[in-house]
Amino acid sequence: MEITPLYTKIEKLIELRKGIVVMENPEGFPTGESNIYMLGPNGQTLWKAEKPKSGTLFTRVRLNEDASLSTFTSDAQFCELDSENGKIISSSNFR
């Protein structure tokens, strides 16, 4: 499947059974949107990742053994996301 980014360039793709998790580069990405989202097999957006704060963007994402997603944000937060729906399972601040 050809993936076209919404706003910036694609930084990372994670293929799962349900679809592909996309993380776009946070530089230049609109802060009102989430730069991590999942696309289904036909290209439709299945979910956009919940953000811990409205102006925050994600800077890293990785898949864990339990199929959750570990993320870091532009304001030094670590979040674990549910890969089924993009909702925050847990979060903590590094400051």
N, C-alpha and C. Protein backbone atom coordinates (compact mmCIF):
# COMPACT_ATOMS: atom_id res chain seq x y z
N MET A 1 0.85 -1.18 0.00
CA MET A 1 0.00 0.00 0.00
C MET A 1 0.89 1.24 0.00
N GLU A 2 0.59 2.16 -0.86
CA GLU A 2 1.28 3.44 -0.94
C GLU A 2 0.73 4.34 0.16
N ILE A 3 1.63 4.92 0.98
CA ILE A 3 1.19 5.78 2.08
C ILE A 3 1.65 7.20 1.79
N THR A 4 0.70 8.11 1.77
CA THR A 4 0.97 9.53 1.58
C THR A 4 0.83 10.22 2.93
N PRO A 5 1.87 10.91 3.39
CA PRO A 5 1.76 11.60 4.68
C PRO A 5 0.71 12.71 4.64
N LEU A 6 0.14 13.01 5.79
CA LEU A 6 -0.88 14.06 5.88
C LEU A 6 -0.28 15.46 5.78
N TYR A 7 0.85 15.69 6.50
CA TYR A 7 1.42 17.03 6.58
C TYR A 7 2.92 17.10 6.35
N THR A 8 3.68 16.17 6.91
CA THR A 8 5.14 16.22 6.82
C THR A 8 5.65 14.91 6.24
N LYS A 9 6.90 14.57 6.47
CA LYS A 9 7.40 13.30 5.95
C LYS A 9 7.21 12.18 6.97
N ILE A 10 7.13 10.97 6.49
CA ILE A 10 6.95 9.81 7.35
C ILE A 10 8.28 9.46 8.01
N GLU A 11 8.26 9.36 9.33
CA GLU A 11 9.45 9.01 10.10
C GLU A 11 9.52 7.52 10.38
N LYS A 12 8.36 6.90 10.64
CA LYS A 12 8.36 5.48 11.00
C LYS A 12 7.03 4.84 10.62
N LEU A 13 7.12 3.58 10.18
CA LEU A 13 5.94 2.76 9.90
C LEU A 13 6.05 1.48 10.73
N ILE A 14 4.95 1.09 11.36
CA ILE A 14 4.89 -0.16 12.11
C ILE A 14 3.71 -0.96 11.58
N GLU A 15 3.99 -2.10 10.98
CA GLU A 15 2.92 -2.93 10.42
C GLU A 15 2.36 -3.87 11.48
N LEU A 16 1.04 -3.82 11.64
CA LEU A 16 0.32 -4.69 12.57
C LEU A 16 -0.76 -5.43 11.78
N ARG A 17 -1.40 -6.41 12.41
CA ARG A 17 -2.47 -7.16 11.74
C ARG A 17 -3.59 -6.25 11.26
N LYS A 18 -3.98 -5.31 12.11
CA LYS A 18 -5.12 -4.45 11.83
C LYS A 18 -4.81 -3.34 10.81
N GLY A 19 -3.54 -2.94 10.71
CA GLY A 19 -3.18 -1.85 9.82
C GLY A 19 -1.74 -1.42 10.03
N ILE A 20 -1.43 -0.22 9.58
CA ILE A 20 -0.08 0.33 9.67
C ILE A 20 -0.10 1.59 10.53
N VAL A 21 0.74 1.58 11.58
CA VAL A 21 0.90 2.77 12.41
C VAL A 21 1.92 3.67 11.72
N VAL A 22 1.54 4.93 11.55
CA VAL A 22 2.39 5.92 10.89
C VAL A 22 2.77 7.00 11.89
N MET A 23 4.06 7.33 11.94
CA MET A 23 4.49 8.51 12.69
C MET A 23 5.11 9.48 11.70
N GLU A 24 4.54 10.68 11.63
CA GLU A 24 5.10 11.72 10.78
C GLU A 24 6.06 12.59 11.58
N ASN A 25 6.98 13.22 10.87
CA ASN A 25 7.95 14.11 11.49
C ASN A 25 7.20 15.23 12.23
N PRO A 26 7.56 15.49 13.49
CA PRO A 26 6.86 16.54 14.24
C PRO A 26 7.19 17.96 13.77
N GLU A 27 8.35 18.15 13.12
CA GLU A 27 8.72 19.48 12.64
C GLU A 27 7.78 19.94 11.55
N GLY A 28 7.05 21.01 11.82
CA GLY A 28 6.11 21.54 10.84
C GLY A 28 4.74 20.90 10.88
N PHE A 29 4.56 19.87 11.73
CA PHE A 29 3.26 19.21 11.84
C PHE A 29 2.35 20.10 12.68
N PRO A 30 1.08 20.26 12.33
CA PRO A 30 0.16 21.09 13.11
C PRO A 30 -0.01 20.56 14.54
N THR A 31 0.18 21.41 15.53
CA THR A 31 0.12 20.97 16.93
C THR A 31 -1.29 20.58 17.38
N GLY A 32 -2.29 20.97 16.64
CA GLY A 32 -3.66 20.59 16.97
C GLY A 32 -4.01 19.18 16.54
N GLU A 33 -3.15 18.56 15.77
CA GLU A 33 -3.37 17.20 15.26
C GLU A 33 -2.41 16.23 15.93
N SER A 34 -2.62 14.94 15.74
CA SER A 34 -1.71 13.92 16.25
C SER A 34 -0.87 13.39 15.10
N ASN A 35 0.45 13.35 15.31
CA ASN A 35 1.33 12.90 14.24
C ASN A 35 1.59 11.39 14.27
N ILE A 36 0.85 10.66 15.11
CA ILE A 36 0.83 9.20 15.06
C ILE A 36 -0.61 8.77 14.80
N TYR A 37 -0.78 7.91 13.81
CA TYR A 37 -2.12 7.43 13.45
C TYR A 37 -2.01 6.06 12.81
N MET A 38 -3.15 5.35 12.74
CA MET A 38 -3.17 4.04 12.10
C MET A 38 -4.02 4.10 10.84
N LEU A 39 -3.47 3.50 9.78
CA LEU A 39 -4.21 3.38 8.52
C LEU A 39 -4.62 1.93 8.32
N GLY A 40 -5.86 1.73 7.87
CA GLY A 40 -6.36 0.40 7.56
C GLY A 40 -5.88 -0.06 6.19
N PRO A 41 -6.21 -1.29 5.82
CA PRO A 41 -5.77 -1.86 4.54
C PRO A 41 -6.16 -1.06 3.31
N ASN A 42 -7.29 -0.35 3.37
CA ASN A 42 -7.71 0.44 2.21
C ASN A 42 -7.32 1.92 2.33
N GLY A 43 -6.44 2.24 3.31
CA GLY A 43 -5.94 3.60 3.44
C GLY A 43 -6.73 4.52 4.34
N GLN A 44 -7.85 4.05 4.89
CA GLN A 44 -8.65 4.90 5.77
C GLN A 44 -7.96 5.03 7.14
N THR A 45 -8.15 6.18 7.78
CA THR A 45 -7.58 6.40 9.11
C THR A 45 -8.46 5.68 10.12
N LEU A 46 -7.87 4.71 10.85
CA LEU A 46 -8.62 3.96 11.86
C LEU A 46 -8.63 4.69 13.20
N TRP A 47 -7.51 5.32 13.54
CA TRP A 47 -7.44 6.14 14.75
C TRP A 47 -6.27 7.11 14.66
N LYS A 48 -6.35 8.16 15.48
CA LYS A 48 -5.24 9.09 15.68
C LYS A 48 -4.88 8.98 17.16
N ALA A 49 -3.60 8.93 17.45
CA ALA A 49 -3.14 8.73 18.83
C ALA A 49 -3.61 9.85 19.75
N GLU A 50 -4.08 9.45 20.91
CA GLU A 50 -4.45 10.41 21.95
C GLU A 50 -3.17 11.09 22.43
N LYS A 51 -3.22 12.40 22.63
CA LYS A 51 -2.06 13.14 23.08
C LYS A 51 -2.22 13.50 24.56
N PRO A 52 -1.11 13.50 25.33
CA PRO A 52 -1.21 13.83 26.75
C PRO A 52 -1.56 15.31 26.98
N LYS A 53 -1.17 16.19 26.06
CA LYS A 53 -1.51 17.61 26.12
C LYS A 53 -1.81 18.08 24.70
N SER A 54 -2.61 19.11 24.58
CA SER A 54 -3.08 19.53 23.25
C SER A 54 -1.96 20.00 22.31
N GLY A 55 -0.94 20.69 22.78
CA GLY A 55 0.11 21.21 21.91
C GLY A 55 1.29 20.27 21.71
N THR A 56 1.18 19.08 22.22
CA THR A 56 2.28 18.10 22.18
C THR A 56 2.29 17.32 20.88
N LEU A 57 3.50 16.99 20.42
CA LEU A 57 3.66 16.09 19.28
C LEU A 57 4.58 14.95 19.69
N PHE A 58 4.46 13.84 19.02
CA PHE A 58 5.29 12.67 19.34
C PHE A 58 6.62 12.76 18.57
N THR A 59 7.70 12.36 19.26
CA THR A 59 9.02 12.40 18.64
C THR A 59 9.58 11.00 18.38
N ARG A 60 9.05 9.98 19.06
CA ARG A 60 9.48 8.59 18.86
C ARG A 60 8.34 7.64 19.13
N VAL A 61 8.40 6.50 18.46
CA VAL A 61 7.42 5.44 18.70
C VAL A 61 8.09 4.10 18.45
N ARG A 62 7.71 3.11 19.26
CA ARG A 62 8.20 1.74 19.03
C ARG A 62 7.15 0.76 19.50
N LEU A 63 7.18 -0.42 18.91
CA LEU A 63 6.24 -1.49 19.24
C LEU A 63 6.83 -2.32 20.37
N ASN A 64 6.03 -2.58 21.39
CA ASN A 64 6.45 -3.42 22.52
C ASN A 64 6.03 -4.86 22.29
N GLU A 65 6.60 -5.76 23.08
CA GLU A 65 6.27 -7.18 22.95
C GLU A 65 4.80 -7.48 23.18
N ASP A 66 4.13 -6.68 24.02
CA ASP A 66 2.71 -6.89 24.30
C ASP A 66 1.80 -6.20 23.28
N ALA A 67 2.38 -5.69 22.19
CA ALA A 67 1.68 -5.01 21.10
C ALA A 67 1.23 -3.59 21.45
N SER A 68 1.62 -3.06 22.61
CA SER A 68 1.37 -1.65 22.89
C SER A 68 2.46 -0.83 22.21
N LEU A 69 2.27 0.47 22.16
CA LEU A 69 3.23 1.37 21.54
C LEU A 69 3.84 2.29 22.58
N SER A 70 5.16 2.34 22.67
CA SER A 70 5.84 3.28 23.55
C SER A 70 6.19 4.52 22.76
N THR A 71 5.89 5.69 23.32
CA THR A 71 6.14 6.94 22.63
C THR A 71 6.84 7.93 23.55
N PHE A 72 7.52 8.88 22.93
CA PHE A 72 8.06 10.04 23.63
C PHE A 72 7.48 11.26 22.96
N THR A 73 7.33 12.34 23.73
CA THR A 73 6.73 13.56 23.18
C THR A 73 7.72 14.71 23.21
N SER A 74 7.34 15.77 22.51
CA SER A 74 8.17 16.97 22.42
C SER A 74 8.31 17.70 23.75
N ASP A 75 7.48 17.41 24.72
CA ASP A 75 7.60 18.05 26.03
C ASP A 75 8.02 17.06 27.11
N ALA A 76 8.84 16.09 26.74
CA ALA A 76 9.48 15.14 27.67
C ALA A 76 8.51 14.23 28.41
N GLN A 77 7.52 13.74 27.72
CA GLN A 77 6.61 12.77 28.32
C GLN A 77 6.78 11.43 27.63
N PHE A 78 6.63 10.38 28.43
CA PHE A 78 6.62 9.01 27.92
C PHE A 78 5.17 8.55 27.99
N CYS A 79 4.65 7.99 26.91
CA CYS A 79 3.29 7.46 26.91
C CYS A 79 3.30 6.05 26.33
N GLU A 80 2.46 5.22 26.90
CA GLU A 80 2.22 3.91 26.32
C GLU A 80 0.82 3.97 25.72
N LEU A 81 0.70 3.60 24.45
CA LEU A 81 -0.57 3.66 23.73
C LEU A 81 -1.08 2.27 23.42
N ASP A 82 -2.39 2.13 23.42
CA ASP A 82 -3.04 0.90 23.00
C ASP A 82 -3.03 0.87 21.47
N SER A 83 -2.42 -0.14 20.88
CA SER A 83 -2.31 -0.19 19.41
C SER A 83 -3.65 -0.49 18.74
N GLU A 84 -4.65 -0.91 19.49
CA GLU A 84 -5.98 -1.17 18.92
C GLU A 84 -6.78 0.10 18.66
N ASN A 85 -6.54 1.14 19.51
CA ASN A 85 -7.37 2.34 19.39
C ASN A 85 -6.61 3.66 19.54
N GLY A 86 -5.31 3.62 19.84
CA GLY A 86 -4.52 4.83 19.97
C GLY A 86 -4.69 5.59 21.27
N LYS A 87 -5.42 5.02 22.22
CA LYS A 87 -5.66 5.68 23.52
C LYS A 87 -4.46 5.50 24.46
N ILE A 88 -4.25 6.46 25.32
CA ILE A 88 -3.15 6.40 26.29
C ILE A 88 -3.49 5.37 27.37
N ILE A 89 -2.56 4.42 27.59
CA ILE A 89 -2.68 3.42 28.65
C ILE A 89 -2.04 3.98 29.91
N SER A 90 -0.86 4.59 29.75
CA SER A 90 -0.15 5.20 30.88
C SER A 90 0.76 6.29 30.34
N SER A 91 1.12 7.22 31.23
CA SER A 91 2.05 8.28 30.83
C SER A 91 2.81 8.76 32.06
N SER A 92 4.00 9.28 31.83
CA SER A 92 4.80 9.87 32.90
C SER A 92 5.66 10.96 32.30
N ASN A 93 6.07 11.89 33.15
CA ASN A 93 6.86 13.03 32.73
C ASN A 93 8.31 12.82 33.14
N PHE A 94 9.25 13.21 32.29
CA PHE A 94 10.67 13.03 32.59
C PHE A 94 11.32 14.27 33.18
N ARG A 95 10.58 15.32 33.41
CA ARG A 95 11.18 16.55 33.96
C ARG A 95 11.14 16.55 35.44
